Amino acid sequence: MEEGMVYSRGGVRVWEDYRKNIIVDAENPILAWKARKDKYSPTLFPSTVQQRFPLGIPRIDSLHSEDALSWNLLRSLHQAGKLQLVTDFLSPGMEVSMLYFWGHVVDESSAKIDATVQEALNEIEPWGRDGKRQQTETDVMLRGTRDLVMVECKLGMPGKPVKAWSRSSPGMRGDYLKFLDRFGVRLFNDSFDFESDGNRFYQLFRNYLLGAALSQRWEVRFWLLTVVNSKNTNLERVSHETEFGHFRSKLVNPLNAVIITWQQIRSAVGQEPQLSQLQSYLARHPLI
């Protein structure tokens, strides 16, 4: 085991300092905010580790962290001016220049969520106004003068089924229906059932609503992009592509919803000689 690293009870390697898990812009205050916010349950670690870290260990410290992978990949592409390696999967030639993580503008390096994002969240999810309770936290957003891409990331152990986009417990808040009634643009077709489909595609559903709300505010078209691991499936052993296809079948405009894999992005990155540091990171990643 490398110095400065511990193991979970399940054998996952975890850095003691999240910055060692980050290959680019590691001192950004947004990462510090995320590390404070999302921590592992102490019970996932041996008692000796729990004693050393009584306040818990940030999830972003783990080599299996989906958030760390997202940051290292997309922030590296952002700094290199190569976000088109991702957006070309949606629409070749799309131009995006602004990058958001968890609702925060990366270039502003602020621990505060973007004001317009917060305003839209307050409209859709009023119970959590201004962050007093958990609201939708989109993994990544890519924004340009004409396009907005909402990115929902999924990662998991190779060969193991993972909970895809479903809700942990049944039940849909009526505020979502109220928003859809007010919105004025039909997003879902007649086959969409609010309770069953809302639960089944919960994360996709919420990001789609937020993308629609922000597209009106910023006067852009919006896309939903989900990035998955080709090496696993959902809990029912259904491929991510098949399950995402069911979600798309509920949309009035299915063309703005796209699924790709981490492996596809890694292949695109591999064609860019100037991205050698990112290539090395992706090549040694334990999950992809």
Protein backbone atom coordinates (compact mmCIF):
# COMPACT_ATOMS: atom_id res chain seq x y z
CA MET A 1 0.00 0.00 0.00
CA GLU A 2 1.28 3.43 -0.92
CA GLU A 3 2.09 5.92 1.79
CA GLY A 4 -0.86 8.17 2.59
CA MET A 5 -3.43 5.54 1.62
CA VAL A 6 -5.82 3.29 3.58
CA TYR A 7 -8.05 0.35 2.69
CA SER A 8 -11.78 0.03 3.21
CA ARG A 9 -13.15 -3.19 4.69
CA GLY A 10 -13.90 -4.26 1.11
CA GLY A 11 -10.31 -3.70 0.02
CA VAL A 12 -10.81 -0.46 -1.91
CA ARG A 13 -7.80 1.85 -1.81
CA VAL A 14 -8.56 5.31 -0.47
CA TRP A 15 -6.23 8.30 -0.23
CA GLU A 16 -6.02 10.08 3.11
CA ASP A 17 -5.85 13.40 1.22
CA TYR A 18 -8.29 13.77 -1.71
CA ARG A 19 -5.81 15.98 -3.58
CA LYS A 20 -3.62 12.95 -4.22
CA ASN A 21 -6.55 11.48 -6.16
CA ILE A 22 -6.79 14.56 -8.41
CA ILE A 23 -4.52 15.11 -11.41
CA VAL A 24 -5.65 18.63 -12.36
CA ASP A 25 -6.61 21.80 -10.45
CA ALA A 26 -6.45 19.91 -7.16
CA GLU A 27 -6.58 23.07 -5.02
CA ASN A 28 -9.88 24.28 -6.45
CA PRO A 29 -12.23 25.22 -3.55
CA ILE A 30 -15.06 23.33 -5.25
CA LEU A 31 -13.24 20.08 -4.54
CA ALA A 32 -12.73 21.07 -0.91
CA TRP A 33 -16.48 21.76 -0.68
CA LYS A 34 -17.27 18.35 -2.15
CA ALA A 35 -14.84 16.63 0.21
CA ARG A 36 -16.52 18.23 3.22
CA LYS A 37 -20.01 17.45 1.95
CA ASP A 38 -19.89 13.76 0.96
CA LYS A 39 -18.17 11.33 3.32
CA TYR A 40 -18.15 7.57 3.73
CA SER A 41 -19.82 5.89 6.67
CA PRO A 42 -17.07 5.12 9.22
CA THR A 43 -18.32 1.51 9.38
CA LEU A 44 -16.85 0.90 5.91
CA PHE A 45 -13.36 1.10 7.41
CA PRO A 46 -11.47 -0.90 10.05
CA SER A 47 -11.57 0.46 13.59
CA THR A 48 -7.95 1.63 13.38
CA VAL A 49 -8.84 3.84 10.40
CA GLN A 50 -11.98 5.10 12.13
CA GLN A 51 -9.91 6.18 15.11
CA ARG A 52 -7.50 8.11 12.90
CA PHE A 53 -10.30 9.84 10.99
CA PRO A 54 -13.09 10.52 13.51
CA LEU A 55 -14.72 13.07 11.17
CA GLY A 56 -14.92 10.56 8.34
CA ILE A 57 -13.20 10.15 4.97
CA PRO A 58 -14.43 12.02 1.87
CA ARG A 59 -15.84 9.84 -0.88
CA ILE A 60 -13.73 11.70 -3.42
CA ASP A 61 -10.61 10.21 -1.78
CA SER A 62 -11.39 6.75 -3.17
CA LEU A 63 -9.75 5.35 -6.28
CA HIS A 64 -13.27 4.16 -7.18
CA SER A 65 -14.76 7.65 -6.86
CA GLU A 66 -17.05 8.56 -9.74
CA ASP A 67 -16.63 12.25 -8.83
CA ALA A 68 -12.83 12.07 -8.95
CA LEU A 69 -12.95 10.37 -12.36
CA SER A 70 -15.40 12.97 -13.67
CA TRP A 71 -13.26 15.85 -12.41
CA ASN A 72 -9.96 14.47 -13.66
CA LEU A 73 -11.35 13.69 -17.10
CA LEU A 74 -13.52 16.70 -17.84
CA ARG A 75 -11.44 19.34 -16.08
CA SER A 76 -8.39 18.09 -18.00
CA LEU A 77 -10.30 18.36 -21.29
CA HIS A 78 -11.59 21.79 -20.27
CA GLN A 79 -8.12 23.15 -19.56
CA ALA A 80 -6.81 21.66 -22.81
CA GLY A 81 -9.67 23.12 -24.86
CA LYS A 82 -10.75 19.59 -25.82
CA LEU A 83 -14.31 19.26 -24.50
CA GLN A 84 -15.38 18.45 -28.06
CA LEU A 85 -14.01 14.96 -27.45
CA VAL A 86 -17.18 14.53 -25.39
CA THR A 87 -19.64 16.84 -27.13
CA ASP A 88 -18.90 15.35 -30.57
CA PHE A 89 -20.79 12.26 -29.39
CA LEU A 90 -23.89 14.48 -29.21
CA SER A 91 -23.47 16.92 -32.07
CA PRO A 92 -20.20 17.32 -33.98
CA GLY A 93 -19.05 20.92 -33.93
CA MET A 94 -20.89 21.84 -30.72
CA GLU A 95 -19.06 24.61 -28.88
CA VAL A 96 -19.02 24.70 -25.10
CA SER A 97 -16.61 26.69 -22.94
CA MET A 98 -18.10 26.75 -19.43
CA LEU A 99 -17.78 23.79 -17.10
CA TYR A 100 -19.84 23.20 -13.96
CA PHE A 101 -19.40 20.54 -11.29
CA TRP A 102 -22.29 19.92 -8.89
CA GLY A 103 -23.81 23.27 -9.87
CA HIS A 104 -20.58 25.25 -9.33
CA VAL A 105 -18.80 27.17 -12.12
CA VAL A 106 -15.28 25.74 -12.23
CA ASP A 107 -13.56 28.92 -13.41
CA GLU A 108 -15.12 30.90 -10.57
CA SER A 109 -13.61 28.46 -8.05
CA SER A 110 -16.44 29.19 -5.64
CA ALA A 111 -17.87 26.93 -2.95
CA LYS A 112 -21.25 28.53 -3.70
CA ILE A 113 -23.63 27.03 -6.24
CA ASP A 114 -24.32 29.14 -9.33
CA ALA A 115 -27.17 31.58 -8.65
CA THR A 116 -29.18 30.68 -11.76
CA VAL A 117 -28.85 26.97 -11.08
CA GLN A 118 -30.04 27.52 -7.52
CA GLU A 119 -32.98 29.59 -8.74
CA ALA A 120 -34.06 26.81 -11.11
CA LEU A 121 -33.69 24.20 -8.37
CA ASN A 122 -35.83 26.28 -6.03
CA GLU A 123 -38.57 26.31 -8.65
CA ILE A 124 -38.44 22.57 -9.31
CA GLU A 125 -37.68 21.38 -5.77
CA PRO A 126 -39.03 24.08 -3.43
CA TRP A 127 -38.72 21.88 -0.31
CA GLY A 128 -34.93 22.31 -0.46
CA ARG A 129 -34.88 26.05 -1.13
CA ASP A 130 -31.36 27.49 -1.20
CA GLY A 131 -29.90 24.17 -0.11
CA LYS A 132 -31.70 23.80 3.20
CA ARG A 133 -32.44 20.22 2.12
CA GLN A 134 -30.90 18.02 -0.55
CA GLN A 135 -31.74 19.09 -4.11
CA THR A 136 -30.69 17.67 -7.47
CA GLU A 137 -26.92 17.84 -7.80
CA THR A 138 -26.03 17.39 -11.46
CA ASP A 139 -22.61 15.77 -11.79
CA VAL A 140 -21.39 17.96 -14.64
CA MET A 141 -22.78 20.64 -16.94
CA LEU A 142 -21.19 21.88 -20.17
CA ARG A 143 -22.43 25.24 -21.41
CA GLY A 144 -21.93 27.28 -24.56
CA THR A 145 -23.72 30.13 -26.29
CA ARG A 146 -26.17 27.75 -27.98
CA ASP A 147 -26.06 24.51 -26.00
CA LEU A 148 -26.29 23.15 -22.47
CA VAL A 149 -25.32 19.56 -21.68
CA MET A 150 -26.44 17.94 -18.41
CA VAL A 151 -24.07 15.06 -17.65
CA GLU A 152 -25.12 12.21 -15.36
CA CYS A 153 -22.22 9.87 -14.59
CA LYS A 154 -22.34 6.24 -13.49
CA LEU A 155 -19.45 4.02 -12.44
CA GLY A 156 -19.20 0.60 -10.85
CA MET A 157 -17.08 -2.50 -10.37
CA PRO A 158 -16.48 -4.47 -13.57
CA GLY A 159 -18.79 -7.45 -13.85
CA LYS A 160 -21.04 -6.35 -10.99
CA PRO A 161 -24.58 -5.03 -11.41
CA VAL A 162 -25.10 -1.47 -10.13
CA LYS A 163 -28.16 0.55 -9.22
CA ALA A 164 -28.63 2.63 -12.34
CA TRP A 165 -30.86 5.69 -12.20
CA SER A 166 -33.69 4.49 -9.99
CA ARG A 167 -34.82 6.02 -6.71
CA SER A 168 -33.67 4.34 -3.51
CA SER A 169 -37.19 4.28 -2.08
CA PRO A 170 -40.59 4.53 -3.82
CA GLY A 171 -42.61 7.73 -3.89
CA MET A 172 -42.51 10.86 -6.06
CA ARG A 173 -42.95 14.40 -4.78
CA GLY A 174 -45.91 16.20 -6.32
CA ASP A 175 -43.81 19.36 -6.79
CA TYR A 176 -42.32 17.79 -9.90
CA LEU A 177 -45.77 17.47 -11.46
CA LYS A 178 -46.56 21.06 -10.51
CA PHE A 179 -43.41 22.21 -12.26
CA LEU A 180 -44.26 20.23 -15.39
CA ASP A 181 -47.75 21.77 -15.43
CA ARG A 182 -46.29 25.29 -15.17
CA PHE A 183 -43.41 24.78 -17.56
CA GLY A 184 -45.38 25.23 -20.75
CA VAL A 185 -43.33 22.82 -22.88
CA ARG A 186 -44.26 19.14 -23.03
CA LEU A 187 -41.22 17.05 -22.13
CA PHE A 188 -42.70 13.55 -21.73
CA ASN A 189 -45.09 11.68 -23.99
CA ASP A 190 -48.30 9.84 -23.10
CA SER A 191 -46.45 6.62 -22.24
CA PHE A 192 -44.73 8.29 -19.28
CA ASP A 193 -46.14 7.28 -15.89
CA PHE A 194 -45.11 9.78 -13.22
CA GLU A 195 -44.96 7.34 -10.31
CA SER A 196 -43.46 4.22 -11.91
CA ASP A 197 -41.25 5.84 -14.57
CA GLY A 198 -40.33 8.72 -12.26
CA ASN A 199 -38.99 6.21 -9.73
CA ARG A 200 -37.35 4.01 -12.33
CA PHE A 201 -35.49 6.87 -14.03
CA TYR A 202 -35.30 9.20 -11.04
CA GLN A 203 -31.84 10.67 -11.63
CA LEU A 204 -32.36 11.05 -15.37
CA PHE A 205 -35.82 12.57 -14.81
CA ARG A 206 -34.58 15.24 -12.40
CA ASN A 207 -31.62 16.22 -14.56
CA TYR A 208 -33.89 16.44 -17.57
CA LEU A 209 -36.21 18.83 -15.71
CA LEU A 210 -33.31 20.97 -14.55
CA GLY A 211 -31.85 21.08 -18.05
CA ALA A 212 -35.20 22.20 -19.43
CA ALA A 213 -35.54 24.93 -16.79
CA LEU A 214 -32.01 26.24 -17.38
CA SER A 215 -32.42 26.13 -21.16
CA GLN A 216 -35.24 28.65 -20.88
CA ARG A 217 -33.27 30.91 -18.57
CA TRP A 218 -30.13 30.85 -20.70
CA GLU A 219 -31.97 30.64 -24.05
CA VAL A 220 -30.09 27.57 -25.26
CA ARG A 221 -31.04 24.07 -26.35
CA PHE A 222 -30.36 21.39 -23.77
CA TRP A 223 -29.09 17.83 -23.87
CA LEU A 224 -28.97 14.99 -21.37
CA LEU A 225 -25.80 12.91 -21.60
CA THR A 226 -25.21 9.92 -19.38
CA VAL A 227 -21.78 8.30 -19.12
CA VAL A 228 -21.66 4.67 -17.96
CA ASN A 229 -19.19 1.84 -17.50
CA SER A 230 -19.43 -0.70 -20.31
CA LYS A 231 -18.14 -3.33 -17.88
CA ASN A 232 -21.30 -3.55 -15.77
CA THR A 233 -25.12 -3.59 -15.96
CA ASN A 234 -28.02 -2.49 -13.78
CA LEU A 235 -29.37 -4.58 -10.90
CA GLU A 236 -31.65 -6.59 -13.19
CA ARG A 237 -28.67 -7.45 -15.42
CA VAL A 238 -30.09 -5.20 -18.11
CA SER A 239 -27.51 -3.23 -20.07
CA HIS A 240 -27.32 0.49 -19.40
CA GLU A 241 -27.97 1.13 -23.08
CA THR A 242 -31.20 -0.89 -23.01
CA GLU A 243 -32.44 0.77 -19.84
CA PHE A 244 -31.58 4.23 -21.19
CA GLY A 245 -33.48 3.36 -24.36
CA HIS A 246 -36.59 2.81 -22.23
CA PHE A 247 -36.13 6.28 -20.76
CA ARG A 248 -35.71 7.84 -24.21
CA SER A 249 -38.94 6.17 -25.33
CA LYS A 250 -40.78 8.35 -22.78
CA LEU A 251 -39.48 11.64 -24.20
CA VAL A 252 -41.19 13.95 -26.64
CA ASN A 253 -37.74 14.72 -28.05
CA PRO A 254 -35.59 11.60 -27.59
CA LEU A 255 -32.83 12.98 -29.82
CA ASN A 256 -31.51 15.21 -27.04
CA ALA A 257 -30.79 12.25 -24.73
CA VAL A 258 -27.56 10.34 -25.40
CA ILE A 259 -25.64 7.54 -23.66
CA ILE A 260 -21.90 6.89 -24.02
CA THR A 261 -19.29 4.97 -22.02
CA TRP A 262 -16.15 5.95 -20.15
CA GLN A 263 -14.35 3.58 -22.50
CA GLN A 264 -15.50 5.54 -25.56
CA ILE A 265 -14.16 8.76 -24.06
CA ARG A 266 -10.90 7.05 -23.11
CA SER A 267 -10.50 5.90 -26.72
CA ALA A 268 -11.06 9.47 -27.98
CA VAL A 269 -8.56 10.85 -25.46
CA GLY A 270 -6.04 8.27 -26.65
CA GLN A 271 -5.92 9.97 -30.06
CA GLU A 272 -4.65 13.25 -28.55
CA PRO A 273 -0.85 13.28 -27.91
CA GLN A 274 -1.02 16.41 -25.72
CA LEU A 275 -3.27 14.61 -23.22
CA SER A 276 -0.60 12.16 -22.05
CA GLN A 277 -1.19 12.77 -18.34
CA LEU A 278 -4.90 12.09 -18.71
CA GLN A 279 -4.18 9.03 -20.87
CA SER A 280 -1.95 7.59 -18.14
CA TYR A 281 -4.57 8.24 -15.48
CA LEU A 282 -7.31 6.53 -17.49
CA ALA A 283 -5.07 3.59 -18.39
CA ARG A 284 -4.42 2.77 -14.73
CA HIS A 285 -7.95 3.42 -13.47
CA PRO A 286 -9.08 0.29 -11.58
CA LEU A 287 -12.69 0.28 -12.84
CA ILE A 288 -12.57 1.16 -16.52
